[in-house]
């Protein structure tokens, strides 16, 4: 007779799910008698962490029900799990990597989820981030038409790099060169597009491009 609470709970779950212990053992990559021996003979003394996690996910229960100590539980509460991921707004505007796209508004149409830990490692603040789509070919091969870019709108001193800028009514994605006082040079990676020189007052820097994603 099985008396250990953990072993008894595993047996109950298997019987309720109508799945044999041998099939569960196979799911874990073990020999067919693995869980039978665990329950009936007490060997092994406790489930390995990996096996316990797979079984808990299969049955939809907390790992503590299968022997994990609550004091050292690594289960992440649902609220904490949600906080570990950041939904960055995806805007309806496009940044032109071509002749220029008119930005009529910045309506949020969707979100893209990023790891909060990864964003922090990059020194990025979620409230200053948004994603938009690249339109055109002037930044090829670095950025292609249809690529998603993550834009950091944190106010910083201008420096070289790829930025989203507003020039008149157009929203552009370009490299910027600020080495000459009073001038901002907008540079395309595609050599078919010549540099554009602008006065610093004529260009509004929206943010720096810090990540890209797109189809292969």
Protein backbone atom coordinates (compact mmCIF):
# COMPACT_ATOMS: atom_id res chain seq x y z
CA UNK A 1 0.00 0.00 0.00
CA UNK A 2 1.31 3.44 -0.94
CA UNK A 3 1.42 5.82 2.03
CA UNK A 4 3.90 8.54 1.03
CA UNK A 5 1.86 11.67 0.09
CA UNK A 6 3.96 12.48 -2.96
CA UNK A 7 3.83 8.97 -4.38
CA UNK A 8 0.13 8.68 -3.58
CA UNK A 9 -0.57 11.99 -5.32
CA UNK A 10 1.28 10.93 -8.45
CA UNK A 11 -0.65 7.67 -8.54
CA UNK A 12 -3.96 9.55 -8.12
CA UNK A 13 -3.08 11.96 -10.93
CA UNK A 14 -2.15 9.12 -13.27
CA UNK A 15 -5.35 7.21 -12.53
CA UNK A 16 -7.48 10.35 -12.95
CA UNK A 17 -5.81 11.10 -16.30
CA UNK A 18 -6.06 7.41 -17.26
CA UNK A 19 -2.43 7.21 -18.24
CA UNK A 20 -0.16 4.35 -17.22
CA UNK A 21 2.99 4.79 -15.19
CA UNK A 22 4.97 3.12 -17.97
CA UNK A 23 3.79 5.71 -20.51
CA UNK A 24 4.64 8.51 -18.11
CA UNK A 25 8.09 6.97 -17.64
CA UNK A 26 8.56 6.90 -21.41
CA UNK A 27 7.53 10.55 -21.61
CA UNK A 28 10.39 11.30 -19.20
CA UNK A 29 12.81 9.30 -21.31
CA UNK A 30 13.15 6.64 -18.62
CA UNK A 31 12.72 2.88 -18.66
CA UNK A 32 9.07 1.73 -18.40
CA UNK A 33 9.45 0.64 -14.75
CA UNK A 34 10.91 3.96 -13.54
CA UNK A 35 7.77 5.46 -11.96
CA UNK A 36 6.44 2.07 -10.88
CA UNK A 37 9.62 1.59 -8.85
CA UNK A 38 9.42 5.15 -7.52
CA UNK A 39 5.89 4.62 -6.22
CA UNK A 40 6.01 0.98 -5.10
CA UNK A 41 9.64 0.57 -4.01
CA UNK A 42 10.67 4.10 -3.08
CA UNK A 43 13.50 4.16 -5.61
CA UNK A 44 14.57 6.80 -6.42
CA UNK A 45 13.90 8.47 -3.07
CA UNK A 46 12.61 11.60 -4.84
CA UNK A 47 11.94 12.70 -8.39
CA UNK A 48 14.63 14.53 -10.27
CA UNK A 49 13.91 18.23 -10.79
CA UNK A 50 13.52 17.85 -14.56
CA UNK A 51 11.18 14.86 -14.22
CA UNK A 52 9.11 16.54 -11.53
CA UNK A 53 8.73 19.65 -13.68
CA UNK A 54 7.60 17.68 -16.74
CA UNK A 55 5.05 15.72 -14.72
CA UNK A 56 3.71 18.85 -13.03
CA UNK A 57 3.22 20.55 -16.41
CA UNK A 58 1.61 17.42 -17.85
CA UNK A 59 -0.92 17.19 -15.03
CA UNK A 60 -1.31 20.95 -14.61
CA UNK A 61 -0.39 20.97 -10.92
CA UNK A 62 2.15 22.74 -8.74
CA UNK A 63 5.50 20.98 -8.41
CA UNK A 64 5.05 21.06 -4.64
CA UNK A 65 2.39 18.35 -5.06
CA UNK A 66 5.06 16.08 -6.49
CA UNK A 67 7.66 16.58 -3.81
CA UNK A 68 9.26 19.97 -4.36
CA UNK A 69 9.94 21.75 -1.09
CA UNK A 70 7.92 24.97 -0.85
CA UNK A 71 10.82 26.65 0.92
CA UNK A 72 13.04 26.21 -2.14
CA UNK A 73 10.33 26.27 -4.78
CA UNK A 74 11.40 27.73 -8.06
CA UNK A 75 7.86 27.98 -9.36
CA UNK A 76 7.27 31.53 -10.55
CA UNK A 77 3.88 33.02 -9.60
CA UNK A 78 1.74 34.09 -12.54
CA UNK A 79 1.90 37.76 -11.53
CA UNK A 80 5.71 37.64 -11.38
CA UNK A 81 5.82 35.86 -14.73
CA UNK A 82 3.80 38.65 -16.30
CA UNK A 83 6.11 41.27 -14.82
CA UNK A 84 9.14 39.54 -16.29
CA UNK A 85 7.87 40.28 -19.81
CA UNK A 86 7.27 43.76 -21.20
CA UNK A 87 4.68 44.52 -23.87
CA UNK A 88 6.19 47.29 -26.00
CA UNK A 89 3.64 49.24 -28.08
CA UNK A 90 3.72 48.72 -31.84
CA UNK A 91 2.83 51.97 -33.56
CA UNK A 92 0.85 52.39 -36.76
CA UNK A 93 3.46 54.69 -38.27
CA UNK A 94 6.31 53.58 -40.52
CA UNK A 95 9.82 54.99 -40.61
CA UNK A 96 10.84 55.42 -44.19
CA UNK A 97 14.14 54.05 -45.41
CA UNK A 98 13.40 55.64 -48.74
CA UNK A 99 12.15 58.97 -50.06
CA UNK A 100 10.11 59.68 -46.91
CA UNK A 101 6.91 58.59 -45.25
CA UNK A 102 4.33 60.95 -43.82
CA UNK A 103 3.52 60.33 -40.18
CA UNK A 104 -0.13 61.16 -39.63
CA UNK A 105 -0.39 59.74 -36.13
CA UNK A 106 1.06 57.36 -33.59
CA UNK A 107 -1.81 55.03 -32.90
CA UNK A 108 -0.92 51.84 -31.03
CA UNK A 109 -2.06 48.88 -33.12
CA UNK A 110 -0.40 46.01 -31.30
CA UNK A 111 2.42 45.09 -28.92
CA UNK A 112 5.62 43.07 -29.15
CA UNK A 113 6.74 41.26 -26.01
CA UNK A 114 10.35 41.53 -24.82
CA UNK A 115 12.14 40.02 -21.85
CA UNK A 116 12.29 42.57 -19.05
CA UNK A 117 15.68 41.20 -18.01
CA UNK A 118 17.03 41.66 -21.54
CA UNK A 119 15.74 45.23 -21.72
CA UNK A 120 17.37 46.06 -18.39
CA UNK A 121 20.66 44.51 -19.54
CA UNK A 122 20.55 46.89 -22.51
CA UNK A 123 19.96 49.86 -20.20
CA UNK A 124 16.50 50.45 -21.67
CA UNK A 125 13.44 51.81 -19.88
CA UNK A 126 10.16 50.21 -21.08
CA UNK A 127 8.20 53.47 -20.91
CA UNK A 128 10.54 55.02 -23.49
CA UNK A 129 10.25 52.23 -26.06
CA UNK A 130 8.09 51.60 -29.10
CA UNK A 131 8.35 49.55 -32.25
CA UNK A 132 7.62 50.61 -35.82
CA UNK A 133 8.02 49.13 -39.28
CA UNK A 134 10.74 50.12 -41.74
CA UNK A 135 9.51 51.16 -45.16
CA UNK A 136 11.81 51.33 -48.19
CA UNK A 137 15.30 50.18 -49.13
CA UNK A 138 17.67 53.05 -48.35
CA UNK A 139 19.05 51.33 -45.24
CA UNK A 140 19.73 47.98 -46.89
CA UNK A 141 21.40 45.69 -46.10
CA UNK A 142 21.24 46.74 -42.42
CA UNK A 143 17.48 47.32 -42.40
CA UNK A 144 15.11 45.95 -44.99
CA UNK A 145 11.62 46.91 -46.03
CA UNK A 146 9.18 45.43 -43.50
CA UNK A 147 11.67 45.02 -40.65
CA UNK A 148 10.46 45.82 -37.14
CA UNK A 149 12.69 48.19 -35.19
CA UNK A 150 12.78 48.93 -31.49
CA UNK A 151 13.15 52.65 -30.88
CA UNK A 152 14.48 54.11 -27.62
CA UNK A 153 13.04 57.60 -27.13
CA UNK A 154 15.16 58.40 -24.07
CA UNK A 155 16.48 61.96 -24.29
CA UNK A 156 20.25 61.84 -24.70
CA UNK A 157 22.96 63.93 -26.33
CA UNK A 158 23.07 63.29 -30.07
CA UNK A 159 25.62 60.73 -31.20
CA UNK A 160 26.34 58.75 -34.32
CA UNK A 161 24.14 55.73 -34.98
CA UNK A 162 20.86 54.73 -36.57
CA UNK A 163 17.96 56.94 -35.51
CA UNK A 164 14.37 57.66 -36.37
CA UNK A 165 14.06 61.34 -37.24
CA UNK A 166 11.32 63.68 -38.33
CA UNK A 167 12.16 65.96 -41.25
CA UNK A 168 9.24 68.20 -42.11
CA UNK A 169 6.22 65.90 -42.35
CA UNK A 170 8.31 62.79 -43.03
CA UNK A 171 9.51 60.14 -40.62
CA UNK A 172 12.86 58.67 -41.64
CA UNK A 173 15.24 56.03 -40.35
CA UNK A 174 18.85 56.99 -41.07
CA UNK A 175 22.31 57.04 -39.66
CA UNK A 176 23.15 60.48 -38.38
CA UNK A 177 26.47 62.30 -38.38
CA UNK A 178 26.68 65.21 -35.95
CA UNK A 179 30.42 65.80 -36.22
CA UNK A 180 29.99 69.26 -37.81
CA UNK A 181 28.56 72.05 -35.62
CA UNK A 182 25.10 73.21 -36.66
CA UNK A 183 24.62 70.33 -39.11
CA UNK A 184 23.00 66.91 -39.00
CA UNK A 185 23.86 64.64 -41.91
CA UNK A 186 21.35 61.88 -42.66
CA UNK A 187 23.17 58.89 -44.14
CA UNK A 188 21.71 55.85 -45.89
CA UNK A 189 23.48 52.48 -45.86
CA UNK A 190 22.36 51.90 -49.44
CA UNK A 191 24.90 53.79 -51.61
CA UNK A 192 22.17 54.59 -54.14
CA UNK A 193 20.91 57.25 -51.73
CA UNK A 194 23.18 60.30 -51.21
CA UNK A 195 23.63 61.90 -47.76
CA UNK A 196 21.23 64.70 -46.81
CA UNK A 197 22.57 67.71 -44.89
CA UNK A 198 20.15 69.49 -42.56
CA UNK A 199 20.31 72.22 -39.98
CA UNK A 200 20.00 71.00 -36.42
CA UNK A 201 16.75 72.96 -36.07
CA UNK A 202 15.24 71.28 -39.12
CA UNK A 203 15.53 67.74 -37.78
CA UNK A 204 13.74 66.26 -34.78
CA UNK A 205 15.38 63.11 -33.47
CA UNK A 206 12.61 60.78 -32.30
CA UNK A 207 14.82 58.02 -30.92
CA UNK A 208 17.71 55.64 -31.42
CA UNK A 209 17.22 52.25 -33.08
CA UNK A 210 18.43 49.59 -30.62
CA UNK A 211 17.08 46.34 -32.12
CA UNK A 212 15.66 44.98 -35.34
CA UNK A 213 13.63 41.95 -36.28
CA UNK A 214 12.28 40.70 -39.55
CA UNK A 215 11.59 37.80 -41.85
CA UNK A 216 14.40 35.71 -43.22
